[in-house]
Amino acid sequence: MAEIRLSQLAHSYSASPSKRSDYAIEQMDHVWEQGGAYALLGPSGCGKSTLLNIISGLLVPSQGEVRFDGVMVNELPPEERNIAQVFQFPVVYDTMTVYDNLAFPLRNVKTPEERVRERVEEVADILDLTDRLASKARNLSADEKQKVSMGRGLVRDDVAAILFDEPLTVIDPQLKWKLRRKLKEIHQRFAITMIYVTHDQLEASTFADKIAVMYDGRIVQFGTPRELFESPAHTFVGYFIGSPGMNFFTPCIDGDNILIDGQHLELSAEMRRSLLDARERSDNLKLGIRPEFIELAEDGTSGTLSAVVDHCQDLGTYSILTLALNQARFKVRVEEGGLALSGRVSVRFPERWLTLYVDESRVEVAS
């Protein structure tokens, strides 16, 4: 196991980068602590696979340092970093048996055969592969091949870290939850440093203790699934985490009044002061609130905004409403048995869950 520290790290595929858009990874400092279970989450093209390849040694960064337990490894090839990597598509030796596939990394470092047998049987039991040990890898299903690929990363107990690059992409959706749960069990059992790259927020939140959300070559927030949901540090995190994502409104400041799409929004003196201060720094202001935290009330209730139900999506135990103020549309989650889901309703934005963003980044409300 290892602590992985990135210092002043940046990477560009351009030979002479001159502007921000030339960088696949913008300069960053980050630490993956020893023995942690982490996810690197973001959309295609955000830089997450580039960052993983830098950590694994498949790519040398343009600048900065990668350190394993304090030792700089920038120039070390993957085989000398003592890490295992599981890729998007299963990598197995088709002509070998499952047993020999799992044994290969151990035999490659001259592990005594008795120890090889012990580890292979242990890992096969964890991954439910015991009854397939004698089978040729070519005869396995896609999910079984991926389990073998994972097993090769787990079989050595001296690895510094295991890196997973979207390992469940080719797996049948009905089997994904089983493998996610299996990976969590493996981490709890062996406490190996694991970094799991994915674009799927469900995979990230069910596997990882902490998630690094990447956007446009940067880690814009690093926190627990709950922190990402309740306190998004960037508008992208609010949009990307949650289903549906966070609602955003552009406030209009008219003296001491705060208007949302022409309607007065009741706010505390502290929030109004924070908005006024923020306006002095930027014109890019947003208020964000998640659909789960908006409260519905009978039409005409004081201290609320008046909205019209534009659409209702019934999802069984709850519904997702699309509401319209005037031009602004937003989502509200309503549990089964709530208010009428049509016509005109009043909505309240509890200030506890209302977040202020300046230039897309969250700011603390002045007390």
Protein backbone atom coordinates (compact mmCIF):
# COMPACT_ATOMS: atom_id res chain seq x y z
CA MET A 1 0.00 0.00 0.00
CA ALA A 2 1.16 3.52 -0.70
CA GLU A 3 0.34 7.16 -0.28
CA ILE A 4 0.22 8.72 -3.75
CA ARG A 5 1.02 12.42 -3.81
CA LEU A 6 0.72 14.70 -6.85
CA SER A 7 2.67 17.95 -6.59
CA GLN A 8 2.33 20.83 -9.06
CA LEU A 9 1.26 18.21 -11.60
CA ALA A 10 0.14 19.22 -15.10
CA HIS A 11 0.09 17.59 -18.49
CA SER A 12 -0.28 18.70 -22.09
CA TYR A 13 -0.17 16.63 -25.25
CA SER A 14 1.08 19.72 -27.03
CA ALA A 15 4.86 20.12 -27.41
CA SER A 16 4.64 23.84 -26.64
CA PRO A 17 1.54 24.56 -24.55
CA SER A 18 0.80 28.28 -24.36
CA LYS A 19 -2.77 28.56 -23.11
CA ARG A 20 -5.09 26.86 -20.67
CA SER A 21 -6.91 24.88 -23.34
CA ASP A 22 -3.61 23.22 -24.33
CA TYR A 23 -3.60 21.27 -21.05
CA ALA A 24 -5.38 17.96 -20.55
CA ILE A 25 -4.50 18.24 -16.85
CA GLU A 26 -4.20 21.68 -15.28
CA GLN A 27 -1.69 22.21 -12.49
CA MET A 28 -2.86 20.46 -9.32
CA ASP A 29 -1.81 19.18 -5.92
CA HIS A 30 -3.57 16.12 -4.58
CA VAL A 31 -3.05 13.25 -2.13
CA TRP A 32 -4.48 9.73 -2.19
CA GLU A 33 -3.89 8.45 1.32
CA GLN A 34 -2.56 4.98 2.01
CA GLY A 35 -5.21 2.27 2.08
CA GLY A 36 -8.08 4.48 0.90
CA ALA A 37 -10.85 3.59 -1.54
CA TYR A 38 -11.20 6.46 -4.01
CA ALA A 39 -13.12 7.24 -7.16
CA LEU A 40 -12.09 9.63 -9.91
CA LEU A 41 -15.38 10.76 -11.41
CA GLY A 42 -16.13 12.88 -14.45
CA PRO A 43 -17.45 12.95 -18.03
CA SER A 44 -15.56 11.80 -21.10
CA GLY A 45 -12.69 14.12 -21.97
CA CYS A 46 -12.28 15.65 -18.51
CA GLY A 47 -8.78 14.18 -18.01
CA LYS A 48 -9.45 11.34 -15.59
CA SER A 49 -7.88 8.56 -17.71
CA THR A 50 -4.90 10.81 -18.46
CA LEU A 51 -4.40 11.34 -14.73
CA LEU A 52 -4.67 7.61 -14.03
CA ASN A 53 -2.12 6.83 -16.74
CA ILE A 54 0.28 9.35 -15.20
CA ILE A 55 -0.07 7.64 -11.80
CA SER A 56 0.46 4.19 -13.33
CA GLY A 57 3.50 5.24 -15.36
CA LEU A 58 1.99 4.78 -18.81
CA LEU A 59 2.39 8.53 -19.30
CA VAL A 60 5.11 10.92 -18.10
CA PRO A 61 3.66 14.27 -16.93
CA SER A 62 4.69 17.49 -18.64
CA GLN A 63 5.48 19.03 -15.26
CA GLY A 64 5.29 18.33 -11.55
CA GLU A 65 5.90 15.22 -9.49
CA VAL A 66 4.25 11.90 -8.71
CA ARG A 67 5.42 10.46 -5.39
CA PHE A 68 4.73 7.04 -3.88
CA ASP A 69 5.37 7.17 -0.13
CA GLY A 70 7.56 10.23 -0.66
CA VAL A 71 9.65 8.74 -3.48
CA MET A 72 9.40 10.46 -6.87
CA VAL A 73 8.44 7.93 -9.56
CA ASN A 74 8.06 10.18 -12.64
CA GLU A 75 10.62 8.28 -14.67
CA LEU A 76 9.82 4.79 -13.39
CA PRO A 77 8.02 2.47 -15.84
CA PRO A 78 4.80 0.75 -14.69
CA GLU A 79 6.50 -2.52 -13.81
CA GLU A 80 8.79 -0.73 -11.35
CA ARG A 81 5.99 1.17 -9.57
CA ASN A 82 4.56 -1.99 -8.02
CA ILE A 83 1.00 -1.16 -9.00
CA ALA A 84 -1.76 -3.17 -10.66
CA GLN A 85 -4.08 -1.72 -13.27
CA VAL A 86 -7.45 -3.09 -14.42
CA PHE A 87 -8.58 -1.70 -17.75
CA GLN A 88 -11.96 -1.03 -19.33
CA PHE A 89 -11.76 -4.18 -21.42
CA PRO A 90 -10.66 -7.48 -19.79
CA VAL A 91 -7.03 -8.41 -20.34
CA VAL A 92 -6.64 -12.18 -19.98
CA TYR A 93 -4.50 -14.89 -21.53
CA ASP A 94 -7.10 -16.88 -23.47
CA THR A 95 -5.00 -20.02 -23.84
CA MET A 96 -4.32 -20.23 -20.08
CA THR A 97 -6.64 -21.56 -17.42
CA VAL A 98 -8.18 -19.21 -14.91
CA TYR A 99 -5.77 -20.61 -12.31
CA ASP A 100 -2.72 -19.84 -14.46
CA ASN A 101 -4.03 -16.36 -15.30
CA LEU A 102 -4.33 -15.56 -11.59
CA ALA A 103 -0.99 -17.19 -10.79
CA PHE A 104 0.91 -15.34 -13.52
CA PRO A 105 1.77 -12.14 -11.57
CA LEU A 106 3.04 -14.21 -8.63
CA ARG A 107 5.10 -16.58 -10.74
CA ASN A 108 6.53 -13.59 -12.57
CA VAL A 109 8.17 -12.44 -9.31
CA LYS A 110 9.36 -15.97 -8.38
CA THR A 111 6.80 -16.57 -5.63
CA PRO A 112 7.04 -20.11 -4.15
CA GLU A 113 4.39 -22.36 -5.72
CA GLU A 114 2.77 -23.18 -2.39
CA ARG A 115 2.21 -19.48 -1.75
CA VAL A 116 0.92 -19.12 -5.32
CA ARG A 117 -1.68 -21.80 -4.67
CA GLU A 118 -2.78 -20.18 -1.40
CA ARG A 119 -3.24 -16.74 -2.94
CA VAL A 120 -4.92 -17.97 -6.12
CA GLU A 121 -7.44 -20.00 -4.13
CA GLU A 122 -8.09 -17.11 -1.76
CA VAL A 123 -8.69 -14.59 -4.55
CA ALA A 124 -10.76 -17.08 -6.57
CA ASP A 125 -13.00 -17.61 -3.55
CA ILE A 126 -13.47 -13.85 -3.09
CA LEU A 127 -14.41 -13.40 -6.76
CA ASP A 128 -16.59 -16.52 -7.01
CA LEU A 129 -14.22 -18.11 -9.52
CA THR A 130 -13.33 -21.29 -7.63
CA ASP A 131 -15.40 -23.55 -9.87
CA ARG A 132 -13.81 -21.96 -12.97
CA LEU A 133 -10.15 -22.35 -12.02
CA ALA A 134 -9.60 -25.25 -14.43
CA SER A 135 -11.44 -23.54 -17.34
CA LYS A 136 -9.64 -21.94 -20.24
CA ALA A 137 -10.06 -18.17 -20.15
CA ARG A 138 -11.39 -18.18 -23.70
CA ASN A 139 -14.50 -19.98 -22.46
CA LEU A 140 -15.44 -17.35 -19.89
CA SER A 141 -18.21 -14.77 -20.13
CA ALA A 142 -17.30 -11.05 -20.29
CA ASP A 143 -17.96 -10.49 -16.57
CA GLU A 144 -15.94 -13.60 -15.63
CA LYS A 145 -13.01 -12.39 -17.74
CA GLN A 146 -13.17 -9.02 -16.00
CA LYS A 147 -13.17 -10.75 -12.62
CA VAL A 148 -10.02 -12.64 -13.68
CA SER A 149 -8.48 -9.33 -14.74
CA MET A 150 -9.35 -7.86 -11.32
CA GLY A 151 -8.03 -10.99 -9.63
CA ARG A 152 -4.63 -10.57 -11.24
CA GLY A 153 -4.44 -7.15 -9.63
CA LEU A 154 -5.45 -8.53 -6.22
CA VAL A 155 -3.39 -11.68 -6.10
CA ARG A 156 -0.17 -9.93 -5.14
CA ASP A 157 -0.37 -8.70 -1.55
CA ASP A 158 2.62 -6.35 -1.93
CA VAL A 159 1.23 -3.95 -4.53
CA ALA A 160 1.34 -0.23 -3.75
CA ALA A 161 -2.07 0.43 -5.32
CA ILE A 162 -4.68 -0.93 -7.70
CA LEU A 163 -5.97 1.39 -10.41
CA PHE A 164 -9.30 0.67 -12.11
CA ASP A 165 -10.04 2.38 -15.45
CA GLU A 166 -13.83 2.07 -15.95
CA PRO A 167 -13.66 -1.70 -15.32
CA LEU A 168 -17.42 -2.39 -15.53
CA THR A 169 -18.14 -0.78 -18.90
CA VAL A 170 -18.49 -4.11 -20.74
CA ILE A 171 -20.34 -5.85 -17.91
CA ASP A 172 -24.03 -6.67 -18.15
CA PRO A 173 -25.98 -4.06 -16.11
CA GLN A 174 -27.58 -6.78 -13.98
CA LEU A 175 -24.13 -7.97 -12.88
CA LYS A 176 -22.57 -4.57 -12.23
CA TRP A 177 -24.01 -4.19 -8.74
CA LYS A 178 -22.55 -7.57 -7.73
CA LEU A 179 -19.06 -6.61 -8.88
CA ARG A 180 -19.28 -3.18 -7.25
CA ARG A 181 -20.22 -4.84 -3.98
CA LYS A 182 -17.42 -7.38 -4.46
CA LEU A 183 -14.83 -4.64 -4.94
CA LYS A 184 -16.02 -2.93 -1.76
CA GLU A 185 -15.69 -6.21 0.16
CA ILE A 186 -12.19 -6.70 -1.25
CA HIS A 187 -11.09 -3.25 -0.15
CA GLN A 188 -12.49 -3.74 3.34
CA ARG A 189 -10.67 -7.06 3.59
CA PHE A 190 -7.25 -6.05 2.25
CA ALA A 191 -7.19 -2.23 2.75
CA ILE A 192 -5.26 -1.73 -0.49
CA THR A 193 -5.05 1.79 -1.94
CA MET A 194 -7.60 1.73 -4.76
CA ILE A 195 -8.42 4.43 -7.33
CA TYR A 196 -11.48 3.76 -9.48
CA VAL A 197 -12.03 5.84 -12.61
CA THR A 198 -15.63 6.12 -13.82
CA HIS A 199 -18.18 8.45 -15.41
CA ASP A 200 -20.97 6.76 -13.41
CA GLN A 201 -21.86 8.51 -10.14
CA LEU A 202 -23.57 5.37 -8.80
CA GLU A 203 -20.41 3.30 -9.31
CA ALA A 204 -18.33 6.01 -7.66
CA SER A 205 -20.57 6.46 -4.61
CA THR A 206 -21.07 2.72 -3.97
CA PHE A 207 -17.35 1.94 -4.19
CA ALA A 208 -15.47 4.93 -2.82
CA ASP A 209 -15.09 6.49 0.60
CA LYS A 210 -14.08 9.73 -1.13
CA ILE A 211 -14.66 10.93 -4.68
CA ALA A 212 -12.54 13.33 -6.72
CA VAL A 213 -14.78 15.02 -9.30
CA MET A 214 -12.91 16.11 -12.41
CA TYR A 215 -14.03 18.79 -14.82
CA ASP A 216 -12.09 20.36 -17.66
CA GLY A 217 -8.72 19.00 -16.49
CA ARG A 218 -9.16 19.92 -12.82
CA ILE A 219 -10.29 18.24 -9.64
CA VAL A 220 -13.08 20.64 -8.69
CA GLN A 221 -14.09 18.84 -5.48
CA PHE A 222 -12.79 15.99 -3.34
CA GLY A 223 -15.12 14.67 -0.67
CA THR A 224 -17.51 12.01 0.53
CA PRO A 225 -20.61 11.20 -1.55
CA ARG A 226 -22.70 13.06 1.01
CA GLU A 227 -20.50 16.17 0.84
CA LEU A 228 -20.72 16.21 -2.95
CA PHE A 229 -24.48 15.95 -2.80
CA GLU A 230 -25.21 18.38 0.02
CA SER A 231 -22.44 20.94 -0.50
CA PRO A 232 -21.26 21.02 -4.13
CA ALA A 233 -18.14 23.18 -4.34
CA HIS A 234 -18.64 23.92 -8.04
CA THR A 235 -21.71 24.26 -10.23
CA PHE A 236 -20.50 21.30 -12.30
CA VAL A 237 -20.57 19.07 -9.22
CA GLY A 238 -24.11 20.22 -8.50
CA TYR A 239 -25.15 19.47 -12.07
CA PHE A 240 -23.26 16.15 -12.42
CA ILE A 241 -24.10 14.61 -9.04
CA GLY A 242 -27.72 13.72 -8.42
CA SER A 243 -30.58 12.64 -10.65
CA PRO A 244 -31.80 15.12 -11.64
CA GLY A 245 -28.97 17.51 -10.90
CA MET A 246 -29.05 20.76 -8.98
CA ASN A 247 -31.27 23.64 -10.09
CA PHE A 248 -29.54 26.95 -10.79
CA PHE A 249 -31.08 30.42 -10.86
CA THR A 250 -29.59 33.77 -11.81
CA PRO A 251 -30.56 36.25 -9.09
CA CYS A 252 -31.48 39.83 -9.93
CA ILE A 253 -30.50 42.33 -7.25
CA ASP A 254 -32.84 45.30 -7.01
CA GLY A 255 -31.79 47.38 -4.04
CA ASP A 256 -32.37 45.13 -1.03
CA ASN A 257 -34.67 42.86 -3.01
CA ILE A 258 -33.55 39.61 -4.60
CA LEU A 259 -35.61 38.55 -7.59
CA ILE A 260 -35.76 35.16 -9.31
CA ASP A 261 -37.34 35.41 -12.76
CA GLY A 262 -39.20 38.53 -11.63
CA GLN A 263 -40.47 37.11 -8.31
CA HIS A 264 -39.30 38.22 -4.88
CA LEU A 265 -37.21 35.63 -3.03
CA GLU A 266 -37.21 35.97 0.74
CA LEU A 267 -33.67 35.70 2.07
CA SER A 268 -31.92 36.38 5.33
CA ALA A 269 -29.90 39.55 5.79
CA GLU A 270 -26.72 37.44 5.70
CA MET A 271 -27.54 35.91 2.30
CA ARG A 272 -28.51 39.29 0.85
CA ARG A 273 -25.25 40.77 2.11
CA SER A 274 -23.28 37.91 0.57
CA LEU A 275 -25.01 38.45 -2.77
CA LEU A 276 -24.30 42.18 -2.69
CA ASP A 277 -20.64 41.54 -1.85
CA ALA A 278 -20.39 38.94 -4.61
CA ARG A 279 -21.84 41.35 -7.18
CA GLU A 280 -18.90 43.68 -6.52
CA ARG A 281 -16.53 40.92 -7.69
CA SER A 282 -18.40 39.34 -10.60
CA ASP A 283 -21.54 39.40 -12.73
CA ASN A 284 -21.55 35.60 -12.82
CA LEU A 285 -23.77 34.82 -9.83
CA LYS A 286 -25.95 31.76 -9.34
CA LEU A 287 -28.15 30.36 -6.61
CA GLY A 288 -28.36 26.57 -6.52
CA ILE A 289 -30.72 24.17 -4.78
CA ARG A 290 -31.34 20.47 -5.27
CA PRO A 291 -34.77 19.15 -6.34
CA GLU A 292 -34.94 17.10 -3.14
CA PHE A 293 -34.74 20.21 -0.93
CA ILE A 294 -37.38 22.42 -2.52
CA GLU A 295 -40.63 22.53 -0.52
CA LEU A 296 -44.08 22.67 -2.07
CA ALA A 297 -46.95 24.59 -0.49
CA GLU A 298 -50.52 25.44 -1.36
CA ASP A 299 -50.78 28.17 -3.96
CA GLY A 300 -50.71 31.62 -2.39
CA THR A 301 -48.75 30.66 0.75
CA SER A 302 -46.82 33.71 2.00
CA GLY A 303 -43.06 33.80 1.62
CA THR A 304 -43.09 31.52 -1.44
CA LEU A 305 -42.66 31.73 -5.20
CA SER A 306 -45.58 30.94 -7.48
CA ALA A 307 -44.98 28.28 -10.13
CA VAL A 308 -46.91 26.23 -12.66
CA VAL A 309 -46.50 22.46 -13.08
CA ASP A 310 -45.18 22.03 -16.62
CA HIS A 311 -44.59 18.25 -16.50
CA CYS A 312 -44.82 15.36 -14.05
CA GLN A 313 -42.69 12.23 -14.34
CA ASP A 314 -44.13 9.49 -12.12
CA LEU A 315 -41.35 7.17 -10.90
CA GLY A 316 -43.44 5.09 -8.50
CA THR A 317 -42.55 6.02 -4.94
CA TYR A 318 -41.77 9.59 -6.00
CA SER A 319 -42.31 11.98 -8.90
CA ILE A 320 -40.10 14.55 -10.60
CA LEU A 321 -41.95 17.76 -11.38
CA THR A 322 -40.80 20.30 -13.93
CA LEU A 323 -42.04 23.68 -12.72
CA ALA A 324 -42.07 27.06 -14.45
CA LEU A 325 -41.81 30.40 -12.68
CA ASN A 326 -42.01 32.62 -15.73
CA GLN A 327 -39.24 31.71 -18.12
CA ALA A 328 -37.16 29.73 -15.61
CA ARG A 329 -37.80 26.00 -15.37
CA PHE A 330 -36.59 23.78 -12.56
CA LYS A 331 -37.05 20.31 -11.06
CA VAL A 332 -38.64 19.29 -7.76
CA ARG A 333 -38.75 15.81 -6.27
CA VAL A 334 -42.08 14.98 -4.63
CA GLU A 335 -42.59 11.89 -2.52
CA GLU A 336 -45.65 9.72 -3.03
CA GLY A 337 -48.75 11.15 -1.36
CA GLY A 338 -47.63 14.79 -1.56
CA LEU A 339 -49.53 17.81 -2.90
CA ALA A 340 -51.47 17.79 -6.16
CA LEU A 341 -49.08 17.42 -9.07
CA SER A 342 -50.78 19.74 -11.53
CA GLY A 343 -51.85 23.35 -11.88
CA ARG A 344 -50.31 26.19 -9.91
CA VAL A 345 -48.29 25.61 -6.74
CA SER A 346 -46.11 27.61 -4.38
CA VAL A 347 -42.51 26.70 -3.70
CA ARG A 348 -40.12 27.54 -0.91
CA PHE A 349 -36.31 27.41 -1.11
CA PRO A 350 -35.09 26.63 2.44
CA GLU A 351 -32.01 28.76 2.94
CA ARG A 352 -30.18 25.91 4.65
CA TRP A 353 -30.01 24.21 1.23
CA LEU A 354 -29.61 27.30 -0.95
CA THR A 355 -26.04 27.72 -2.21
CA LEU A 356 -24.40 30.82 -3.65
CA TYR A 357 -21.93 30.45 -6.54
CA VAL A 358 -19.62 33.14 -7.86
CA ASP A 359 -17.82 32.38 -11.12
CA GLU A 360 -19.14 28.80 -10.76
CA SER A 361 -17.46 28.24 -7.35
CA ARG A 362 -19.34 27.98 -4.04
CA VAL A 363 -18.89 30.79 -1.54
CA GLU A 364 -19.67 30.78 2.14
CA VAL A 365 -22.49 33.03 3.25
CA ALA A 366 -21.27 35.81 5.53
CA SER A 367 -22.49 35.45 9.10
